[in-house]
Amino acid sequence: MTDQRGPRTVDRETLLGARLRLPQHVVHRSFVAETVVLNLKTGMYHGLNPSGGHMLEVLNQAPSVREAAGILAQEYPQQAGIEADLLAFCRDLLDRDLVEVVTDGSS
């Protein structure tokens, strides 16, 4: 089941426990300097720097946002506040309809 609430109304704990996935209307391609994400519904392209592109890949593969934050924290141990940064990134992606929240384990 996909959460139908808006991204700003999804509370922190719900979002941390949720799985995010790229919806069918979103395609992306990674390049050396950036990841390009296209929302086919709106026709809008979005560019992510290498860190953002990597965060998107980890989010798309991890079983939850919390676990994605743990993976990223292990990869970047010097980065304080990775969980808060990741939550802000997730909300931005949700605002742009580039990911969707899956709260029941659906793929």
C-alpha atoms as a PDB file:
ATOM      1  CA  MET A   1       0.000   0.000   0.000  1.00  0.00           C
ATOM      2  CA  THR A   2       1.371   3.385  -0.947  1.00  0.00           C
ATOM      3  CA  ASP A   3       0.972   6.135   1.641  1.00  0.00           C
ATOM      4  CA  GLN A   4      -1.404   8.725   0.180  1.00  0.00           C
ATOM      5  CA  ARG A   5      -0.587  11.519   2.657  1.00  0.00           C
ATOM      6  CA  GLY A   6       1.535  14.429   1.494  1.00  0.00           C
ATOM      7  CA  PRO A   7       5.288  14.314   2.163  1.00  0.00           C
ATOM      8  CA  ARG A   8       5.178  17.042   4.799  1.00  0.00           C
ATOM      9  CA  THR A   9       2.521  15.174   6.785  1.00  0.00           C
ATOM     10  CA  VAL A  10       4.497  11.937   6.984  1.00  0.00           C
ATOM     11  CA  ASP A  11       6.039  12.103  10.441  1.00  0.00           C
ATOM     12  CA  ARG A  12       9.709  11.431  11.078  1.00  0.00           C
ATOM     13  CA  GLU A  13       9.302   7.941  12.572  1.00  0.00           C
ATOM     14  CA  THR A  14       6.908   6.813   9.847  1.00  0.00           C
ATOM     15  CA  LEU A  15       9.288   8.023   7.166  1.00  0.00           C
ATOM     16  CA  LEU A  16      12.306   6.391   8.856  1.00  0.00           C
ATOM     17  CA  GLY A  17      10.446   3.081   9.007  1.00  0.00           C
ATOM     18  CA  ALA A  18       9.117   3.278   5.471  1.00  0.00           C
ATOM     19  CA  ARG A  19      10.575   1.908   2.292  1.00  0.00           C
ATOM     20  CA  LEU A  20      10.941   4.344  -0.592  1.00  0.00           C
ATOM     21  CA  ARG A  21      10.840   3.296  -4.190  1.00  0.00           C
ATOM     22  CA  LEU A  22      10.998   4.951  -7.558  1.00  0.00           C
ATOM     23  CA  PRO A  23       7.515   4.934  -9.087  1.00  0.00           C
ATOM     24  CA  GLN A  24       6.949   3.702 -12.638  1.00  0.00           C
ATOM     25  CA  HIS A  25       6.718   7.274 -13.925  1.00  0.00           C
ATOM     26  CA  VAL A  26      10.288   8.068 -12.827  1.00  0.00           C
ATOM     27  CA  VAL A  27      13.430   7.076 -14.693  1.00  0.00           C
ATOM     28  CA  HIS A  28      17.024   7.879 -13.816  1.00  0.00           C
ATOM     29  CA  ARG A  29      20.493   7.553 -15.190  1.00  0.00           C
ATOM     30  CA  SER A  30      23.778   8.008 -13.389  1.00  0.00           C
ATOM     31  CA  PHE A  31      26.742   9.730 -14.967  1.00  0.00           C
ATOM     32  CA  VAL A  32      30.165  10.561 -13.521  1.00  0.00           C
ATOM     33  CA  ALA A  33      29.256  14.089 -12.434  1.00  0.00           C
ATOM     34  CA  GLU A  34      25.534  13.704 -11.736  1.00  0.00           C
ATOM     35  CA  THR A  35      22.432  11.557 -11.725  1.00  0.00           C
ATOM     36  CA  VAL A  36      19.581  12.736 -13.926  1.00  0.00           C
ATOM     37  CA  VAL A  37      16.080  11.898 -12.755  1.00  0.00           C
ATOM     38  CA  LEU A  38      13.086  12.380 -15.062  1.00  0.00           C
ATOM     39  CA  ASN A  39       9.494  12.548 -13.873  1.00  0.00           C
ATOM     40  CA  LEU A  40       7.574  11.332 -16.930  1.00  0.00           C
ATOM     41  CA  LYS A  41       4.296  12.744 -15.551  1.00  0.00           C
ATOM     42  CA  THR A  42       5.573  16.298 -15.431  1.00  0.00           C
ATOM     43  CA  GLY A  43       8.386  16.124 -17.988  1.00  0.00           C
ATOM     44  CA  MET A  44      10.704  17.690 -15.397  1.00  0.00           C
ATOM     45  CA  TYR A  45      14.360  16.706 -15.224  1.00  0.00           C
ATOM     46  CA  HIS A  46      16.141  16.858 -11.886  1.00  0.00           C
ATOM     47  CA  GLY A  47      19.913  16.743 -11.472  1.00  0.00           C
ATOM     48  CA  LEU A  48      21.524  15.196  -8.403  1.00  0.00           C
ATOM     49  CA  ASN A  49      25.176  15.593  -7.503  1.00  0.00           C
ATOM     50  CA  PRO A  50      27.149  12.347  -6.988  1.00  0.00           C
ATOM     51  CA  SER A  51      26.259  12.232  -3.278  1.00  0.00           C
ATOM     52  CA  GLY A  52      22.560  12.708  -4.013  1.00  0.00           C
ATOM     53  CA  GLY A  53      22.675  10.073  -6.742  1.00  0.00           C
ATOM     54  CA  HIS A  54      24.274   7.611  -4.342  1.00  0.00           C
ATOM     55  CA  MET A  55      21.693   8.402  -1.666  1.00  0.00           C
ATOM     56  CA  LEU A  56      18.920   7.738  -4.200  1.00  0.00           C
ATOM     57  CA  GLU A  57      20.448   4.356  -5.116  1.00  0.00           C
ATOM     58  CA  VAL A  58      20.782   3.342  -1.469  1.00  0.00           C
ATOM     59  CA  LEU A  59      17.210   4.473  -0.716  1.00  0.00           C
ATOM     60  CA  ASN A  60      15.859   2.531  -3.680  1.00  0.00           C
ATOM     61  CA  GLN A  61      17.567  -0.683  -2.494  1.00  0.00           C
ATOM     62  CA  ALA A  62      17.270  -0.446   1.299  1.00  0.00           C
ATOM     63  CA  PRO A  63      14.301  -1.974   3.108  1.00  0.00           C
ATOM     64  CA  SER A  64      13.735   1.294   5.007  1.00  0.00           C
ATOM     65  CA  VAL A  65      14.941   4.872   5.187  1.00  0.00           C
ATOM     66  CA  ARG A  66      16.415   4.094   8.626  1.00  0.00           C
ATOM     67  CA  GLU A  67      18.487   1.253   7.183  1.00  0.00           C
ATOM     68  CA  ALA A  68      19.578   3.457   4.281  1.00  0.00           C
ATOM     69  CA  ALA A  69      20.781   6.023   6.828  1.00  0.00           C
ATOM     70  CA  GLY A  70      22.742   3.279   8.595  1.00  0.00           C
ATOM     71  CA  ILE A  71      24.380   2.183   5.346  1.00  0.00           C
ATOM     72  CA  LEU A  72      25.310   5.746   4.475  1.00  0.00           C
ATOM     73  CA  ALA A  73      26.617   6.418   7.993  1.00  0.00           C
ATOM     74  CA  GLN A  74      28.967   3.442   7.639  1.00  0.00           C
ATOM     75  CA  GLU A  75      30.181   4.703   4.270  1.00  0.00           C
ATOM     76  CA  TYR A  76      30.623   8.283   5.497  1.00  0.00           C
ATOM     77  CA  PRO A  77      31.463   8.000   9.225  1.00  0.00           C
ATOM     78  CA  GLN A  78      32.718  11.592   9.369  1.00  0.00           C
ATOM     79  CA  GLN A  79      29.309  12.898   8.246  1.00  0.00           C
ATOM     80  CA  ALA A  80      27.391  13.991  11.344  1.00  0.00           C
ATOM     81  CA  GLY A  81      23.642  14.257  10.955  1.00  0.00           C
ATOM     82  CA  ILE A  82      23.287  11.852   8.018  1.00  0.00           C
ATOM     83  CA  GLU A  83      19.836  10.770   9.212  1.00  0.00           C
ATOM     84  CA  ALA A  84      18.516  14.354   9.288  1.00  0.00           C
ATOM     85  CA  ASP A  85      20.092  15.087   5.902  1.00  0.00           C
ATOM     86  CA  LEU A  86      18.598  11.916   4.436  1.00  0.00           C
ATOM     87  CA  LEU A  87      15.131  12.759   5.787  1.00  0.00           C
ATOM     88  CA  ALA A  88      15.320  16.230   4.214  1.00  0.00           C
ATOM     89  CA  PHE A  89      16.444  14.633   0.933  1.00  0.00           C
ATOM     90  CA  CYS A  90      13.551  12.136   1.095  1.00  0.00           C
ATOM     91  CA  ARG A  91      11.010  14.885   1.692  1.00  0.00           C
ATOM     92  CA  ASP A  92      12.397  16.837  -1.254  1.00  0.00           C
ATOM     93  CA  LEU A  93      12.123  13.755  -3.489  1.00  0.00           C
ATOM     94  CA  LEU A  94       8.571  13.180  -2.240  1.00  0.00           C
ATOM     95  CA  ASP A  95       7.648  16.818  -2.904  1.00  0.00           C
ATOM     96  CA  ARG A  96       8.812  16.364  -6.504  1.00  0.00           C
ATOM     97  CA  ASP A  97       6.956  13.026  -6.872  1.00  0.00           C
ATOM     98  CA  LEU A  98      10.250  11.243  -7.598  1.00  0.00           C
ATOM     99  CA  VAL A  99       9.782   8.539  -4.946  1.00  0.00           C
ATOM    100  CA  GLU A 100       6.831   7.037  -3.187  1.00  0.00           C
ATOM    101  CA  VAL A 101       6.468   5.754   0.372  1.00  0.00           C
ATOM    102  CA  VAL A 102       5.624   2.086   0.746  1.00  0.00           C
ATOM    103  CA  THR A 103       4.543   1.316   4.313  1.00  0.00           C
ATOM    104  CA  ASP A 104       3.398  -2.306   4.082  1.00  0.00           C
ATOM    105  CA  GLY A 105       6.402  -3.954   2.448  1.00  0.00           C
ATOM    106  CA  SER A 106       4.921  -3.940  -1.061  1.00  0.00           C
ATOM    107  CA  SER A 107       7.384  -3.872  -3.924  1.00  0.00           C
END
